[in-house]
Amino acid sequence: MKVHSKGEILRTVKIAEDELNDLALLKVSEPTSHIFALSDENPYMLKNIIVAG
């Protein structure tokens, strides 16, 4: 898998995947200008969830 950012193609490493929900957590080796915090809490009804893609 690759990430396209600002006209560049960044290689990725797959950290985790969830085939049932069609999700994957990817890591890029290049520094990024955006950081998304991850939570180890389980989601609950009406909780705000942010998805970047």
PDB file of N, CA and C in Angstrom:
ATOM      1  N   MET A   1       0.837  -1.171   0.000  1.00  0.00           N
ATOM      2  CA  MET A   1       0.000   0.000   0.000  1.00  0.00           C
ATOM      3  C   MET A   1       0.881   1.232   0.000  1.00  0.00           C
ATOM      4  N   LYS A   2       0.377   2.283  -0.598  1.00  0.00           N
ATOM      5  CA  LYS A   2       1.115   3.534  -0.669  1.00  0.00           C
ATOM      6  C   LYS A   2       0.224   4.682  -0.238  1.00  0.00           C
ATOM      7  N   VAL A   3       0.854   5.735   0.255  1.00  0.00           N
ATOM      8  CA  VAL A   3       0.154   6.957   0.635  1.00  0.00           C
ATOM      9  C   VAL A   3       0.611   8.052  -0.313  1.00  0.00           C
ATOM     10  N   HIS A   4      -0.344   8.784  -0.864  1.00  0.00           N
ATOM     11  CA  HIS A   4      -0.027   9.933  -1.716  1.00  0.00           C
ATOM     12  C   HIS A   4      -0.170  11.182  -0.862  1.00  0.00           C
ATOM     13  N   SER A   5       0.901  11.988  -0.783  1.00  0.00           N
ATOM     14  CA  SER A   5       0.886  13.198   0.030  1.00  0.00           C
ATOM     15  C   SER A   5       1.688  14.289  -0.655  1.00  0.00           C
ATOM     16  N   LYS A   6       1.037  15.404  -0.967  1.00  0.00           N
ATOM     17  CA  LYS A   6       1.690  16.573  -1.563  1.00  0.00           C
ATOM     18  C   LYS A   6       2.493  16.206  -2.802  1.00  0.00           C
ATOM     19  N   GLY A   7       1.921  15.373  -3.649  1.00  0.00           N
ATOM     20  CA  GLY A   7       2.563  14.987  -4.894  1.00  0.00           C
ATOM     21  C   GLY A   7       3.614  13.901  -4.763  1.00  0.00           C
ATOM     22  N   GLU A   8       3.838  13.410  -3.563  1.00  0.00           N
ATOM     23  CA  GLU A   8       4.817  12.351  -3.342  1.00  0.00           C
ATOM     24  C   GLU A   8       4.111  11.047  -2.989  1.00  0.00           C
ATOM     25  N   ILE A   9       4.769   9.931  -3.284  1.00  0.00           N
ATOM     26  CA  ILE A   9       4.248   8.617  -2.909  1.00  0.00           C
ATOM     27  C   ILE A   9       5.099   8.096  -1.763  1.00  0.00           C
ATOM     28  N   LEU A  10       4.466   7.836  -0.634  1.00  0.00           N
ATOM     29  CA  LEU A  10       5.163   7.352   0.558  1.00  0.00           C
ATOM     30  C   LEU A  10       4.872   5.868   0.747  1.00  0.00           C
ATOM     31  N   ARG A  11       5.900   5.101   1.026  1.00  0.00           N
ATOM     32  CA  ARG A  11       5.714   3.673   1.318  1.00  0.00           C
ATOM     33  C   ARG A  11       5.133   3.522   2.720  1.00  0.00           C
ATOM     34  N   THR A  12       4.387   2.469   2.909  1.00  0.00           N
ATOM     35  CA  THR A  12       3.731   2.242   4.196  1.00  0.00           C
ATOM     36  C   THR A  12       4.041   0.847   4.736  1.00  0.00           C
ATOM     37  N   VAL A  13       3.815   0.696   6.024  1.00  0.00           N
ATOM     38  CA  VAL A  13       3.857  -0.600   6.691  1.00  0.00           C
ATOM     39  C   VAL A  13       2.493  -0.784   7.338  1.00  0.00           C
ATOM     40  N   LYS A  14       1.858  -1.928   7.084  1.00  0.00           N
ATOM     41  CA  LYS A  14       0.558  -2.200   7.690  1.00  0.00           C
ATOM     42  C   LYS A  14       0.767  -2.651   9.125  1.00  0.00           C
ATOM     43  N   ILE A  15       0.204  -1.897  10.072  1.00  0.00           N
ATOM     44  CA  ILE A  15       0.336  -2.196  11.495  1.00  0.00           C
ATOM     45  C   ILE A  15      -0.779  -3.140  11.949  1.00  0.00           C
ATOM     46  N   ALA A  16      -1.996  -2.893  11.464  1.00  0.00           N
ATOM     47  CA  ALA A  16      -3.144  -3.719  11.855  1.00  0.00           C
ATOM     48  C   ALA A  16      -4.203  -3.623  10.775  1.00  0.00           C
ATOM     49  N   GLU A  17      -5.094  -4.612  10.744  1.00  0.00           N
ATOM     50  CA  GLU A  17      -6.196  -4.575   9.788  1.00  0.00           C
ATOM     51  C   GLU A  17      -7.446  -5.202  10.381  1.00  0.00           C
ATOM     52  N   ASP A  18      -8.577  -4.770   9.867  1.00  0.00           N
ATOM     53  CA  ASP A  18      -9.879  -5.300  10.268  1.00  0.00           C
ATOM     54  C   ASP A  18     -10.648  -5.563   8.973  1.00  0.00           C
ATOM     55  N   GLU A  19     -10.587  -6.790   8.498  1.00  0.00           N
ATOM     56  CA  GLU A  19     -11.227  -7.129   7.226  1.00  0.00           C
ATOM     57  C   GLU A  19     -12.739  -6.966   7.277  1.00  0.00           C
ATOM     58  N   LEU A  20     -13.353  -7.268   8.416  1.00  0.00           N
ATOM     59  CA  LEU A  20     -14.800  -7.168   8.543  1.00  0.00           C
ATOM     60  C   LEU A  20     -15.284  -5.742   8.295  1.00  0.00           C
ATOM     61  N   ASN A  21     -14.565  -4.752   8.832  1.00  0.00           N
ATOM     62  CA  ASN A  21     -14.961  -3.348   8.681  1.00  0.00           C
ATOM     63  C   ASN A  21     -14.178  -2.622   7.590  1.00  0.00           C
ATOM     64  N   ASP A  22     -13.324  -3.346   6.862  1.00  0.00           N
ATOM     65  CA  ASP A  22     -12.538  -2.802   5.759  1.00  0.00           C
ATOM     66  C   ASP A  22     -11.691  -1.616   6.220  1.00  0.00           C
ATOM     67  N   LEU A  23     -10.919  -1.832   7.300  1.00  0.00           N
ATOM     68  CA  LEU A  23     -10.059  -0.792   7.868  1.00  0.00           C
ATOM     69  C   LEU A  23      -8.628  -1.300   7.980  1.00  0.00           C
ATOM     70  N   ALA A  24      -7.678  -0.377   7.904  1.00  0.00           N
ATOM     71  CA  ALA A  24      -6.281  -0.729   8.129  1.00  0.00           C
ATOM     72  C   ALA A  24      -5.578   0.445   8.794  1.00  0.00           C
ATOM     73  N   LEU A  25      -4.608   0.139   9.642  1.00  0.00           N
ATOM     74  CA  LEU A  25      -3.774   1.146  10.270  1.00  0.00           C
ATOM     75  C   LEU A  25      -2.406   1.058   9.607  1.00  0.00           C
ATOM     76  N   LEU A  26      -1.992   2.167   8.967  1.00  0.00           N
ATOM     77  CA  LEU A  26      -0.745   2.189   8.221  1.00  0.00           C
ATOM     78  C   LEU A  26       0.256   3.127   8.879  1.00  0.00           C
ATOM     79  N   LYS A  27       1.536   2.825   8.726  1.00  0.00           N
ATOM     80  CA  LYS A  27       2.598   3.675   9.244  1.00  0.00           C
ATOM     81  C   LYS A  27       3.476   4.097   8.077  1.00  0.00           C
ATOM     82  N   VAL A  28       3.820   5.384   8.021  1.00  0.00           N
ATOM     83  CA  VAL A  28       4.741   5.881   7.003  1.00  0.00           C
ATOM     84  C   VAL A  28       6.059   6.239   7.679  1.00  0.00           C
ATOM     85  N   SER A  29       7.152   6.112   6.943  1.00  0.00           N
ATOM     86  CA  SER A  29       8.460   6.388   7.527  1.00  0.00           C
ATOM     87  C   SER A  29       8.818   7.865   7.466  1.00  0.00           C
ATOM     88  N   GLU A  30       8.140   8.632   6.638  1.00  0.00           N
ATOM     89  CA  GLU A  30       8.413  10.057   6.504  1.00  0.00           C
ATOM     90  C   GLU A  30       7.707  10.843   7.606  1.00  0.00           C
ATOM     91  N   PRO A  31       8.309  11.933   8.082  1.00  0.00           N
ATOM     92  CA  PRO A  31       7.605  12.775   9.060  1.00  0.00           C
ATOM     93  C   PRO A  31       6.376  13.419   8.412  1.00  0.00           C
ATOM     94  N   THR A  32       5.333  13.588   9.179  1.00  0.00           N
ATOM     95  CA  THR A  32       4.106  14.182   8.663  1.00  0.00           C
ATOM     96  C   THR A  32       3.775  15.454   9.435  1.00  0.00           C
ATOM     97  N   SER A  33       2.965  16.286   8.805  1.00  0.00           N
ATOM     98  CA  SER A  33       2.579  17.531   9.471  1.00  0.00           C
ATOM     99  C   SER A  33       1.317  17.355  10.310  1.00  0.00           C
ATOM    100  N   HIS A  34       0.645  16.215  10.173  1.00  0.00           N
ATOM    101  CA  HIS A  34      -0.573  15.952  10.931  1.00  0.00           C
ATOM    102  C   HIS A  34      -0.386  14.700  11.779  1.00  0.00           C
ATOM    103  N   ILE A  35      -0.843  14.771  13.004  1.00  0.00           N
ATOM    104  CA  ILE A  35      -0.781  13.620  13.907  1.00  0.00           C
ATOM    105  C   ILE A  35      -2.187  13.333  14.405  1.00  0.00           C
ATOM    106  N   PHE A  36      -2.589  12.081  14.327  1.00  0.00           N
ATOM    107  CA  PHE A  36      -3.905  11.665  14.800  1.00  0.00           C
ATOM    108  C   PHE A  36      -3.706  10.763  16.010  1.00  0.00           C
ATOM    109  N   ALA A  37      -4.223  11.174  17.128  1.00  0.00           N
ATOM    110  CA  ALA A  37      -4.096  10.375  18.346  1.00  0.00           C
ATOM    111  C   ALA A  37      -4.987   9.147  18.257  1.00  0.00           C
ATOM    112  N   LEU A  38      -4.501   8.033  18.778  1.00  0.00           N
ATOM    113  CA  LEU A  38      -5.282   6.797  18.828  1.00  0.00           C
ATOM    114  C   LEU A  38      -5.712   6.545  20.259  1.00  0.00           C
ATOM    115  N   SER A  39      -6.875   5.948  20.416  1.00  0.00           N
ATOM    116  CA  SER A  39      -7.402   5.667  21.740  1.00  0.00           C
ATOM    117  C   SER A  39      -7.424   4.167  21.975  1.00  0.00           C
ATOM    118  N   ASP A  40      -7.158   3.756  23.197  1.00  0.00           N
ATOM    119  CA  ASP A  40      -7.276   2.335  23.522  1.00  0.00           C
ATOM    120  C   ASP A  40      -8.606   2.028  24.203  1.00  0.00           C
ATOM    121  N   GLU A  41      -9.515   3.033  24.223  1.00  0.00           N
ATOM    122  CA  GLU A  41     -10.855   2.826  24.785  1.00  0.00           C
ATOM    123  C   GLU A  41     -11.788   2.247  23.724  1.00  0.00           C
ATOM    124  N   ASN A  42     -12.741   1.461  24.145  1.00  0.00           N
ATOM    125  CA  ASN A  42     -13.753   0.957  23.225  1.00  0.00           C
ATOM    126  C   ASN A  42     -14.745   2.072  22.898  1.00  0.00           C
ATOM    127  N   PRO A  43     -15.226   2.134  21.648  1.00  0.00           N
ATOM    128  CA  PRO A  43     -16.228   3.147  21.322  1.00  0.00           C
ATOM    129  C   PRO A  43     -17.540   2.852  22.047  1.00  0.00           C
ATOM    130  N   TYR A  44     -18.322   3.890  22.241  1.00  0.00           N
ATOM    131  CA  TYR A  44     -19.627   3.737  22.879  1.00  0.00           C
ATOM    132  C   TYR A  44     -20.651   4.521  22.065  1.00  0.00           C
ATOM    133  N   MET A  45     -21.917   4.277  22.313  1.00  0.00           N
ATOM    134  CA  MET A  45     -22.985   4.931  21.561  1.00  0.00           C
ATOM    135  C   MET A  45     -22.828   6.448  21.594  1.00  0.00           C
ATOM    136  N   LEU A  46     -22.960   7.085  20.440  1.00  0.00           N
ATOM    137  CA  LEU A  46     -22.912   8.542  20.254  1.00  0.00           C
ATOM    138  C   LEU A  46     -21.538   9.147  20.510  1.00  0.00           C
ATOM    139  N   LYS A  47     -20.487   8.311  20.579  1.00  0.00           N
ATOM    140  CA  LYS A  47     -19.133   8.832  20.735  1.00  0.00           C
ATOM    141  C   LYS A  47     -18.665   9.405  19.407  1.00  0.00           C
ATOM    142  N   ASN A  48     -17.980  10.550  19.440  1.00  0.00           N
ATOM    143  CA  ASN A  48     -17.408  11.123  18.226  1.00  0.00           C
ATOM    144  C   ASN A  48     -16.230  10.287  17.783  1.00  0.00           C
ATOM    145  N   ILE A  49     -16.242   9.854  16.530  1.00  0.00           N
ATOM    146  CA  ILE A  49     -15.150   9.067  15.954  1.00  0.00           C
ATOM    147  C   ILE A  49     -14.696   9.758  14.701  1.00  0.00           C
ATOM    148  N   ILE A  50     -13.388   9.994  14.594  1.00  0.00           N
ATOM    149  CA  ILE A  50     -12.822  10.666  13.435  1.00  0.00           C
ATOM    150  C   ILE A  50     -12.087   9.645  12.575  1.00  0.00           C
ATOM    151  N   VAL A  51     -12.361   9.683  11.283  1.00  0.00           N
ATOM    152  CA  VAL A  51     -11.705   8.784  10.330  1.00  0.00           C
ATOM    153  C   VAL A  51     -10.978   9.636   9.310  1.00  0.00           C
ATOM    154  N   ALA A  52      -9.718   9.358   9.098  1.00  0.00           N
ATOM    155  CA  ALA A  52      -8.932  10.089   8.089  1.00  0.00           C
ATOM    156  C   ALA A  52      -8.618   9.120   6.961  1.00  0.00           C
ATOM    157  N   GLY A  53      -8.761   9.581   5.777  1.00  0.00           N
ATOM    158  CA  GLY A  53      -8.455   8.684   4.660  1.00  0.00           C
ATOM    159  C   GLY A  53      -8.345   9.422   3.373  1.00  0.00           C
TER     160      GLY A  53
END
